[in-house]
Amino acid sequence: MKNRTLRQITAAGVIAAAYAALSLVLASITFGPVQCRVSEALTLLPVLSPTAIWGVTLGCAITNGVGAATGANFLGRNPMRSGPGASQQKQIRQQSRKD
């Protein structure tokens, strides 16, 4: 596995922050019985850069964690366990098809 450069780590952090900020600003539609996450548009970024896989996964985990901690996410901690993993697997599959 290649060593992560500072630029890759920074890019992943910026993507994670953008995902979490976009989700939390639109919390009224992000959490609830019917969820509409506008930030899911960022899941297309791994097609351009594999570094984005970690950023989107971390952003999803942060969003689900804040939602569970504040009580906004009525499903509790279940999405924290399955959500980021599902996002990461989907993105890895997309990246492998590209190669």
C-alpha atoms as a PDB file:
ATOM      1  CA  MET A   1       0.000   0.000   0.000  1.00  0.00           C
ATOM      2  CA  LYS A   2       1.305   3.426  -0.912  1.00  0.00           C
ATOM      3  CA  ASN A   3       2.225   5.923   1.779  1.00  0.00           C
ATOM      4  CA  ARG A   4      -0.356   8.651   2.257  1.00  0.00           C
ATOM      5  CA  THR A   5       0.967  12.072   1.467  1.00  0.00           C
ATOM      6  CA  LEU A   6      -0.033  15.180   3.329  1.00  0.00           C
ATOM      7  CA  ARG A   7      -2.004  16.335   0.291  1.00  0.00           C
ATOM      8  CA  GLN A   8      -4.067  13.116   0.212  1.00  0.00           C
ATOM      9  CA  ILE A   9      -4.790  13.263   3.938  1.00  0.00           C
ATOM     10  CA  THR A  10      -5.770  16.922   3.651  1.00  0.00           C
ATOM     11  CA  ALA A  11      -8.057  16.198   0.680  1.00  0.00           C
ATOM     12  CA  ALA A  12      -9.768  13.379   2.581  1.00  0.00           C
ATOM     13  CA  GLY A  13     -10.250  15.687   5.580  1.00  0.00           C
ATOM     14  CA  VAL A  14     -11.736  18.470   3.462  1.00  0.00           C
ATOM     15  CA  ILE A  15     -14.146  16.022   1.795  1.00  0.00           C
ATOM     16  CA  ALA A  16     -15.151  14.613   5.192  1.00  0.00           C
ATOM     17  CA  ALA A  17     -15.743  18.122   6.534  1.00  0.00           C
ATOM     18  CA  ALA A  18     -17.778  19.107   3.473  1.00  0.00           C
ATOM     19  CA  TYR A  19     -19.924  15.973   3.727  1.00  0.00           C
ATOM     20  CA  ALA A  20     -20.567  16.465   7.439  1.00  0.00           C
ATOM     21  CA  ALA A  21     -21.202  20.214   7.146  1.00  0.00           C
ATOM     22  CA  LEU A  22     -23.617  19.802   4.243  1.00  0.00           C
ATOM     23  CA  SER A  23     -25.494  17.040   6.055  1.00  0.00           C
ATOM     24  CA  LEU A  24     -25.707  18.904   9.352  1.00  0.00           C
ATOM     25  CA  VAL A  25     -26.736  22.230   7.810  1.00  0.00           C
ATOM     26  CA  LEU A  26     -29.633  20.406   6.149  1.00  0.00           C
ATOM     27  CA  ALA A  27     -30.380  18.315   9.258  1.00  0.00           C
ATOM     28  CA  SER A  28     -34.138  18.728   8.873  1.00  0.00           C
ATOM     29  CA  ILE A  29     -34.111  16.595   5.712  1.00  0.00           C
ATOM     30  CA  THR A  30     -30.992  14.558   6.538  1.00  0.00           C
ATOM     31  CA  PHE A  31     -32.455  12.774   9.568  1.00  0.00           C
ATOM     32  CA  GLY A  32     -35.924  11.340   9.922  1.00  0.00           C
ATOM     33  CA  PRO A  33     -38.161   8.563   8.649  1.00  0.00           C
ATOM     34  CA  VAL A  34     -37.481   9.621   5.049  1.00  0.00           C
ATOM     35  CA  GLN A  35     -33.903  10.774   4.616  1.00  0.00           C
ATOM     36  CA  CYS A  36     -32.688  12.954   1.784  1.00  0.00           C
ATOM     37  CA  ARG A  37     -28.962  13.544   2.074  1.00  0.00           C
ATOM     38  CA  VAL A  38     -27.822  16.139  -0.414  1.00  0.00           C
ATOM     39  CA  SER A  39     -24.261  15.359   0.652  1.00  0.00           C
ATOM     40  CA  GLU A  40     -24.557  11.918  -0.963  1.00  0.00           C
ATOM     41  CA  ALA A  41     -23.688  13.713  -4.205  1.00  0.00           C
ATOM     42  CA  LEU A  42     -20.111  13.647  -2.900  1.00  0.00           C
ATOM     43  CA  THR A  43     -20.073   9.849  -3.229  1.00  0.00           C
ATOM     44  CA  LEU A  44     -19.206  10.381  -6.892  1.00  0.00           C
ATOM     45  CA  LEU A  45     -15.808  11.845  -5.968  1.00  0.00           C
ATOM     46  CA  PRO A  46     -14.041   8.452  -5.616  1.00  0.00           C
ATOM     47  CA  VAL A  47     -14.396   8.054  -9.372  1.00  0.00           C
ATOM     48  CA  LEU A  48     -11.975  10.971  -9.687  1.00  0.00           C
ATOM     49  CA  SER A  49      -9.682  10.132  -6.769  1.00  0.00           C
ATOM     50  CA  PRO A  50      -9.406   7.040  -4.560  1.00  0.00           C
ATOM     51  CA  THR A  51      -8.478   9.339  -1.653  1.00  0.00           C
ATOM     52  CA  ALA A  52     -12.089  10.503  -1.597  1.00  0.00           C
ATOM     53  CA  ILE A  53     -13.193   7.046  -0.411  1.00  0.00           C
ATOM     54  CA  TRP A  54     -11.755   7.767   3.034  1.00  0.00           C
ATOM     55  CA  GLY A  55     -13.129  11.295   3.086  1.00  0.00           C
ATOM     56  CA  VAL A  56     -16.691  10.284   2.250  1.00  0.00           C
ATOM     57  CA  THR A  57     -16.563   7.364   4.674  1.00  0.00           C
ATOM     58  CA  LEU A  58     -15.308   9.572   7.503  1.00  0.00           C
ATOM     59  CA  GLY A  59     -17.862  12.275   6.688  1.00  0.00           C
ATOM     60  CA  CYS A  60     -20.676   9.717   6.778  1.00  0.00           C
ATOM     61  CA  ALA A  61     -19.445   8.384  10.128  1.00  0.00           C
ATOM     62  CA  ILE A  62     -19.228  11.900  11.593  1.00  0.00           C
ATOM     63  CA  THR A  63     -22.726  12.767  10.377  1.00  0.00           C
ATOM     64  CA  ASN A  64     -24.229   9.569  11.774  1.00  0.00           C
ATOM     65  CA  GLY A  65     -22.357  10.030  15.049  1.00  0.00           C
ATOM     66  CA  VAL A  66     -23.554  13.595  15.544  1.00  0.00           C
ATOM     67  CA  GLY A  67     -27.082  12.552  14.580  1.00  0.00           C
ATOM     68  CA  ALA A  68     -27.073   9.749  17.137  1.00  0.00           C
ATOM     69  CA  ALA A  69     -25.498  11.911  19.844  1.00  0.00           C
ATOM     70  CA  THR A  70     -28.042  14.700  19.422  1.00  0.00           C
ATOM     71  CA  GLY A  71     -31.003  12.376  19.092  1.00  0.00           C
ATOM     72  CA  ALA A  72     -31.779  13.671  15.594  1.00  0.00           C
ATOM     73  CA  ASN A  73     -31.187  10.250  14.068  1.00  0.00           C
ATOM     74  CA  PHE A  74     -34.123   8.158  15.229  1.00  0.00           C
ATOM     75  CA  LEU A  75     -32.370   4.925  14.256  1.00  0.00           C
ATOM     76  CA  GLY A  76     -29.767   5.526  16.943  1.00  0.00           C
ATOM     77  CA  ARG A  77     -26.333   4.032  16.486  1.00  0.00           C
ATOM     78  CA  ASN A  78     -27.216   1.393  13.879  1.00  0.00           C
ATOM     79  CA  PRO A  79     -26.337   3.609  10.885  1.00  0.00           C
ATOM     80  CA  MET A  80     -23.003   4.405  12.536  1.00  0.00           C
ATOM     81  CA  ARG A  81     -22.041   0.754  12.261  1.00  0.00           C
ATOM     82  CA  SER A  82     -23.406  -0.072   8.819  1.00  0.00           C
ATOM     83  CA  GLY A  83     -23.614   3.248   6.943  1.00  0.00           C
ATOM     84  CA  PRO A  84     -19.937   4.147   6.498  1.00  0.00           C
ATOM     85  CA  GLY A  85     -19.007   0.553   5.697  1.00  0.00           C
ATOM     86  CA  ALA A  86     -21.676   0.345   3.029  1.00  0.00           C
ATOM     87  CA  SER A  87     -20.533   3.644   1.525  1.00  0.00           C
ATOM     88  CA  GLN A  88     -16.925   2.519   1.474  1.00  0.00           C
ATOM     89  CA  GLN A  89     -17.734  -0.834  -0.144  1.00  0.00           C
ATOM     90  CA  LYS A  90     -19.808   0.888  -2.830  1.00  0.00           C
ATOM     91  CA  GLN A  91     -16.978   3.309  -3.589  1.00  0.00           C
ATOM     92  CA  ILE A  92     -14.348   0.578  -3.734  1.00  0.00           C
ATOM     93  CA  ARG A  93     -16.515  -1.313  -6.236  1.00  0.00           C
ATOM     94  CA  GLN A  94     -16.857   1.833  -8.356  1.00  0.00           C
ATOM     95  CA  GLN A  95     -13.102   2.353  -8.288  1.00  0.00           C
ATOM     96  CA  SER A  96     -12.387  -1.269  -9.274  1.00  0.00           C
ATOM     97  CA  ARG A  97     -14.740  -1.005 -12.267  1.00  0.00           C
ATOM     98  CA  LYS A  98     -12.905   2.110 -13.398  1.00  0.00           C
ATOM     99  CA  ASP A  99      -9.557   0.286 -13.373  1.00  0.00           C
END
